[in-house]
Protein backbone atom coordinates (compact mmCIF):
# COMPACT_ATOMS: atom_id res chain seq x y z
CA MET A 1 -15.00 11.42 1.51
CA ALA A 2 -16.70 10.79 -1.71
CA PHE A 3 -17.07 12.92 -5.00
CA SER A 4 -19.53 12.43 -7.57
CA GLY A 5 -19.45 12.88 -11.46
CA ASP A 6 -17.16 14.50 -13.73
CA THR A 7 -16.94 17.90 -11.32
CA ALA A 8 -15.94 21.12 -11.28
CA ALA A 9 -12.57 19.56 -10.05
CA GLY A 10 -11.97 17.39 -13.62
CA ARG A 11 -12.50 14.07 -13.74
CA LEU A 12 -10.26 11.11 -12.24
CA ALA A 13 -7.65 9.37 -13.21
CA ILE A 14 -6.18 6.01 -11.43
CA ILE A 15 -2.59 4.94 -12.12
CA ALA A 16 -2.79 1.34 -11.98
CA GLY A 17 -0.08 -0.69 -10.88
CA GLY A 18 -0.18 -4.15 -9.46
CA GLY A 19 -2.38 -5.92 -6.95
CA LEU A 20 -6.25 -5.99 -6.72
CA LEU A 21 -5.66 -2.01 -5.03
CA PRO A 22 -6.53 -0.49 -8.26
CA SER A 23 -9.30 -2.12 -8.91
CA TYR A 24 -11.37 -1.67 -5.45
CA VAL A 25 -10.53 1.90 -6.17
CA ALA A 26 -12.11 1.80 -9.56
CA GLU A 27 -15.26 0.33 -8.72
CA ALA A 28 -15.43 3.22 -6.21
CA ALA A 29 -15.42 5.60 -7.92
CA ARG A 30 -17.60 4.07 -10.60
CA ALA A 31 -20.13 3.96 -7.55
CA ALA A 32 -19.88 6.96 -6.72
CA GLY A 33 -21.15 8.34 -9.95
CA GLU A 34 -17.04 8.80 -11.26
CA ASN A 35 -16.14 7.85 -14.55
CA PRO A 36 -12.33 6.89 -13.88
CA VAL A 37 -9.66 6.80 -16.68
CA ILE A 38 -7.38 4.22 -16.01
CA VAL A 39 -3.86 4.38 -16.79
CA ALA A 40 -2.11 1.34 -16.22
CA LEU A 41 1.19 1.20 -15.69
CA LYS A 42 3.02 -1.35 -18.04
CA ASP A 43 4.47 -4.49 -17.06
CA GLU A 44 2.93 -3.99 -13.80
CA SER A 45 -0.74 -4.03 -13.82
CA ASP A 46 -1.94 -7.30 -13.70
CA ARG A 47 -6.11 -7.15 -15.28
CA ARG A 48 -7.43 -5.92 -18.01
CA TRP A 49 -9.78 -2.85 -17.90
CA GLU A 50 -12.30 -3.39 -20.64
CA GLY A 51 -15.30 -0.70 -19.49
CA TYR A 52 -13.41 1.93 -19.07
CA ASP A 53 -11.72 4.70 -20.69
CA HIS A 54 -8.10 3.38 -20.26
CA ALA A 55 -4.34 3.63 -22.01
CA VAL A 56 -1.23 1.74 -20.80
CA ILE A 57 1.79 3.63 -20.46
CA ALA A 58 5.31 2.30 -19.08
CA ILE A 59 6.92 3.72 -16.17
CA GLY A 60 8.77 6.54 -16.03
CA ASP A 61 7.21 8.04 -19.36
CA PHE A 62 5.76 11.00 -18.02
CA ALA A 63 5.88 12.54 -21.50
CA ALA A 64 2.89 10.13 -22.16
CA LEU A 65 1.19 10.45 -18.98
CA ASP A 66 1.10 14.42 -19.40
CA GLY A 67 -0.54 14.36 -22.20
CA LEU A 68 -3.22 11.46 -21.11
CA LEU A 69 -4.14 13.63 -18.63
CA ASN A 70 -4.51 16.54 -20.36
CA ARG A 71 -6.96 14.77 -23.39
CA TYR A 72 -8.91 13.85 -21.00
CA GLY A 73 -8.97 16.52 -18.53
CA ILE A 74 -7.91 14.63 -15.63
CA GLY A 75 -8.12 17.17 -12.73
CA ARG A 76 -7.80 14.64 -9.88
CA VAL A 77 -5.48 11.50 -9.95
CA VAL A 78 -4.96 8.59 -7.69
CA MET A 79 -2.20 6.52 -7.54
CA SER A 80 -2.74 2.78 -6.59
CA GLY A 81 -1.33 -0.49 -6.60
CA SER A 82 2.17 -2.36 -6.34
CA VAL A 83 5.19 -1.25 -8.20
CA ARG A 84 7.89 -4.00 -8.58
CA ARG A 85 10.95 -2.11 -10.43
CA ARG A 86 12.28 1.83 -10.61
CA PRO A 87 12.48 2.38 -14.49
CA GLU A 88 16.10 2.13 -16.04
CA TRP A 89 17.42 6.14 -16.95
CA ARG A 90 17.07 5.27 -20.41
CA GLU A 91 13.31 4.45 -20.08
CA VAL A 92 12.47 7.68 -18.40
CA ARG A 93 10.98 10.55 -20.41
CA PRO A 94 10.55 13.59 -18.99
CA THR A 95 8.61 16.61 -20.22
CA LEU A 96 10.36 19.58 -20.89
CA ARG A 97 8.47 21.29 -17.67
CA ILE A 98 9.92 18.57 -15.43
CA LEU A 99 13.25 19.45 -16.65
CA MET A 100 13.07 23.31 -16.15
CA LYS A 101 11.52 23.00 -12.93
CA VAL A 102 12.50 19.72 -11.09
CA PRO A 103 15.72 19.35 -12.83
CA ALA A 104 17.09 16.61 -9.71
CA ALA A 105 13.81 14.76 -10.61
CA ILE A 106 15.26 11.75 -12.55
CA ARG A 107 17.85 11.23 -10.18
CA THR A 108 15.52 10.71 -7.12
CA LEU A 109 13.38 8.84 -9.55
CA LEU A 110 16.57 6.18 -10.17
CA SER A 111 18.17 6.42 -6.59
CA GLY A 112 16.01 7.69 -4.29
CA GLY A 113 14.05 6.06 -1.29
CA ASP A 114 10.18 5.14 -2.23
CA ASP A 115 8.85 7.55 -0.10
CA THR A 116 11.03 10.35 -1.30
CA VAL A 117 10.52 8.60 -4.70
CA LEU A 118 6.42 8.86 -4.85
CA GLN A 119 6.55 12.86 -3.07
CA MET A 120 8.48 13.66 -6.28
CA VAL A 121 5.82 11.93 -8.43
CA ILE A 122 3.13 13.88 -6.56
CA ARG A 123 5.01 17.06 -6.96
CA LEU A 124 5.16 16.66 -10.84
CA ILE A 125 1.62 15.61 -11.42
CA GLU A 126 0.22 18.22 -9.42
CA GLY A 127 2.35 20.68 -11.14
CA ASN A 128 -0.07 21.45 -13.37
CA GLY A 129 -2.80 22.09 -11.33
CA ARG A 130 -4.37 18.66 -11.20
CA ARG A 131 -4.27 17.60 -7.42
CA VAL A 132 -3.55 13.68 -6.03
CA VAL A 133 -6.14 12.61 -3.67
CA GLY A 134 -5.33 9.12 -1.56
CA ALA A 135 -6.82 5.83 -2.39
CA HIS A 136 -8.38 6.04 0.69
CA GLU A 137 -10.58 9.35 0.05
CA ILE A 138 -12.11 7.67 -3.04
CA ALA A 139 -12.61 4.34 -0.99
CA PRO A 140 -13.13 5.28 2.77
CA ASP A 141 -14.24 1.56 3.28
CA LEU A 142 -10.85 -0.27 2.83
CA LEU A 143 -9.00 1.84 5.69
CA ALA A 144 -8.53 -0.40 8.84
CA SER A 145 -10.19 0.65 12.21
CA VAL A 146 -8.79 -0.03 15.77
CA GLY A 147 -9.33 -3.29 17.38
CA PRO A 148 -10.14 -6.76 16.26
CA LEU A 149 -11.68 -7.23 13.04
CA GLY A 150 -12.84 -10.52 12.89
CA ALA A 151 -13.34 -13.33 16.09
CA ALA A 152 -10.27 -13.56 17.19
CA ALA A 153 -8.16 -11.10 19.31
CA PRO A 154 -4.68 -11.09 20.34
CA GLY A 155 -4.15 -12.42 23.61
CA GLU A 156 -1.42 -11.01 26.29
CA GLU A 157 1.58 -12.46 24.38
CA ASP A 158 0.29 -11.88 21.03
CA ARG A 159 0.02 -7.89 22.15
CA ARG A 160 3.55 -8.25 23.28
CA ASP A 161 4.80 -9.10 20.39
CA ILE A 162 3.05 -6.60 18.43
CA SER A 163 4.20 -4.06 20.55
CA ARG A 164 7.93 -4.92 19.14
CA ALA A 165 7.03 -5.73 15.51
CA ALA A 166 5.64 -2.27 15.60
CA GLU A 167 8.31 -0.58 16.84
CA ALA A 168 10.70 -2.43 14.07
CA ALA A 169 8.31 -1.48 11.63
CA ASP A 170 7.69 2.25 13.01
CA MET A 171 12.21 2.18 12.94
CA LEU A 172 12.32 0.70 9.32
CA GLY A 173 9.72 3.27 7.94
CA ARG A 174 12.07 5.93 9.40
CA LEU A 175 14.63 4.71 7.06
CA ASP A 176 12.44 4.70 4.29
CA VAL A 177 12.78 1.06 3.33
CA GLY A 178 9.90 -0.47 3.86
CA GLN A 179 6.63 -0.92 6.00
CA GLY A 180 6.40 -4.48 8.17
CA ALA A 181 8.03 -6.32 10.48
CA VAL A 182 7.45 -9.69 12.72
CA SER A 183 7.54 -10.62 16.03
CA ILE A 184 8.29 -13.93 17.36
CA GLY A 185 8.24 -14.65 21.40
CA GLY A 186 9.25 -10.74 21.69
CA ARG A 187 12.22 -10.86 19.10
CA VAL A 188 12.11 -9.37 15.92
CA VAL A 189 12.63 -12.07 13.34
CA ALA A 190 12.24 -10.41 9.75
CA LEU A 191 11.84 -6.91 8.11
CA GLU A 192 9.79 -5.88 4.85
CA GLY A 193 12.52 -5.23 2.32
CA LEU A 194 11.88 -4.72 -1.55
CA GLU A 195 10.53 -8.10 -1.70
CA GLY A 196 7.17 -7.12 -0.28
CA THR A 197 4.87 -8.58 2.90
CA ASP A 198 4.50 -11.93 1.14
CA GLU A 199 7.68 -13.14 0.31
CA MET A 200 9.08 -11.88 3.88
CA LEU A 201 5.91 -13.98 5.48
CA ASP A 202 7.68 -16.73 3.15
CA ARG A 203 11.41 -16.37 4.36
CA VAL A 204 9.62 -16.73 7.97
CA THR A 205 8.07 -19.78 6.92
CA GLY A 206 12.01 -20.94 6.18
CA LEU A 207 13.16 -19.72 9.18
CA ARG A 208 10.47 -22.15 11.24
CA ALA A 209 11.38 -25.04 8.97
CA ALA A 210 14.96 -25.13 9.58
CA GLY A 211 14.36 -24.98 13.41
CA ARG A 212 15.87 -21.40 13.59
CA ILE A 213 12.26 -20.01 14.85
CA SER A 214 11.09 -22.09 17.74
CA PRO A 215 7.72 -23.65 16.98
CA ARG A 216 6.02 -23.09 20.64
CA ARG A 217 6.01 -19.41 19.89
CA ARG A 218 3.67 -17.85 17.47
CA GLY A 219 3.99 -13.96 17.05
CA ALA A 220 2.61 -10.98 14.83
CA LEU A 221 3.19 -9.28 11.49
CA VAL A 222 2.48 -5.63 12.15
CA LYS A 223 2.63 -3.30 9.11
CA LEU A 224 2.75 0.52 9.55
CA CYS A 225 2.29 3.65 7.56
CA LYS A 226 6.24 5.06 7.48
CA PRO A 227 5.70 8.55 9.80
CA GLN A 228 7.01 10.92 7.25
CA GLN A 229 4.92 8.95 4.32
CA ASP A 230 2.31 11.22 2.30
CA ILE A 231 -0.51 9.51 3.09
CA ARG A 232 -1.87 9.93 -0.89
CA ALA A 233 0.67 7.08 -2.14
CA ASP A 234 1.17 3.49 -0.80
CA LEU A 235 -0.57 2.83 2.26
CA PRO A 236 0.12 -0.39 3.96
CA ALA A 237 -2.20 -3.07 2.58
CA ILE A 238 -3.29 -6.48 3.66
CA GLY A 239 -5.72 -8.91 1.73
CA VAL A 240 -6.14 -12.59 1.55
CA SER A 241 -2.71 -13.69 0.63
CA THR A 242 -1.36 -11.83 4.03
CA VAL A 243 -3.96 -13.80 6.08
CA VAL A 244 -2.65 -17.77 4.09
CA ASN A 245 0.72 -16.42 4.44
CA ALA A 246 0.83 -15.45 7.89
CA LYS A 247 -0.95 -18.60 9.08
CA LYS A 248 1.66 -20.80 6.66
CA ALA A 249 4.34 -19.06 8.83
CA GLY A 250 2.73 -20.15 11.97
CA LEU A 251 1.90 -16.88 13.39
CA ALA A 252 -1.32 -16.04 15.87
CA GLY A 253 -2.25 -13.10 13.40
CA VAL A 254 -1.67 -9.06 11.72
CA ALA A 255 -2.17 -5.97 13.01
CA VAL A 256 -1.91 -3.04 10.63
CA GLU A 257 -2.05 0.91 11.45
CA ALA A 258 -5.68 2.15 11.91
CA GLY A 259 -7.10 4.69 9.74
CA ARG A 260 -3.88 4.66 7.53
CA SER A 261 -3.82 1.38 6.30
CA LEU A 262 -6.01 -0.60 3.66
CA VAL A 263 -8.07 -3.97 4.40
CA LEU A 264 -8.86 -4.87 0.82
CA ASP A 265 -11.97 -7.29 0.46
CA ARG A 266 -12.38 -6.89 4.06
CA ALA A 267 -15.55 -9.56 3.94
CA ALA A 268 -12.97 -12.27 3.00
CA VAL A 269 -10.11 -11.26 5.24
CA ILE A 270 -12.21 -11.87 8.22
CA LYS A 271 -13.56 -15.09 6.41
CA ALA A 272 -10.30 -16.26 5.95
CA ALA A 273 -8.67 -15.36 9.64
CA ASP A 274 -11.71 -16.60 11.35
CA GLU A 275 -11.13 -20.16 9.51
CA ALA A 276 -7.57 -20.33 10.23
CA GLY A 277 -7.91 -18.95 13.87
CA LEU A 278 -5.71 -15.78 13.26
CA PHE A 279 -6.30 -12.31 14.39
CA VAL A 280 -6.85 -9.69 12.16
CA CYS A 281 -6.35 -6.12 14.23
CA GLY A 282 -6.22 -2.68 13.65
CA ILE A 283 -3.84 -0.17 16.11
CA ASP A 284 -3.13 3.41 16.40
CA ARG A 285 0.02 4.40 17.40
CA GLY A 286 -1.13 7.10 19.30
CA LEU A 287 -3.39 5.55 21.69
CA PRO A 288 -1.39 3.40 24.98
CA ALA A 289 -0.40 -0.16 24.36
CA TRP A 290 -1.60 1.03 20.44
CA GLY A 291 -5.37 0.76 21.29
CA LEU A 292 -5.07 -3.06 22.04
CA GLU A 293 -6.18 -2.80 25.57
């Protein structure tokens, strides 16, 4: 789905957290004829936004966000990039409308699970008639497809690890904890928490070095969208660093949920995976054997 120009639906704003995703979304929006406004989250967004209308806003400052969206005539909002920390209660600056219409908003922001918080934030943004759209709607080419992306494909043992890790990632997602899991030799050895995927893979590397994991078994990382997740925010994503860290951890490859996960800089990911001899593939929970057979 592509948009063009500053349409009757209103101008597009991109709320930019950390990582590469906000840049890809901004570039895709520009390519489609948009003139996006960048809302860079303070202490989260890690790039400069020269050439774009932009502002820096502290996370939790809904009053400033609401004023900015009004000033630029924003009708659509994309939430993209990582957020490493929740705001302290004293950092939350709600609008009067938020206090009146969503009395539990601040409590949810401070203590709810990630998916619960994102759903609340979406409701708050859409409260003034705006629409939150997914990053994949602006940059559909980022979505993973079913099957191998590069030259390597998972073998029989790899497929067993993918299935096992996918089961674990699915259960983890239902608890609104994380999106990724690693299985080696049919044994789940790591689950993603607040630290994120790269740090989880670092733990697997450490377990290998300590002899806690067999050096003869390779294994797989799987990332799935949470079953209850609103796909307009926080879709699972992989990039070159994922492949690099999977290689360091001794894994055979990476699998992500097709149609509900993002592959950042696909050509570079495929190149890195092919050079490392790793598979990167898309799987589908609705297909037999996750679509791998």
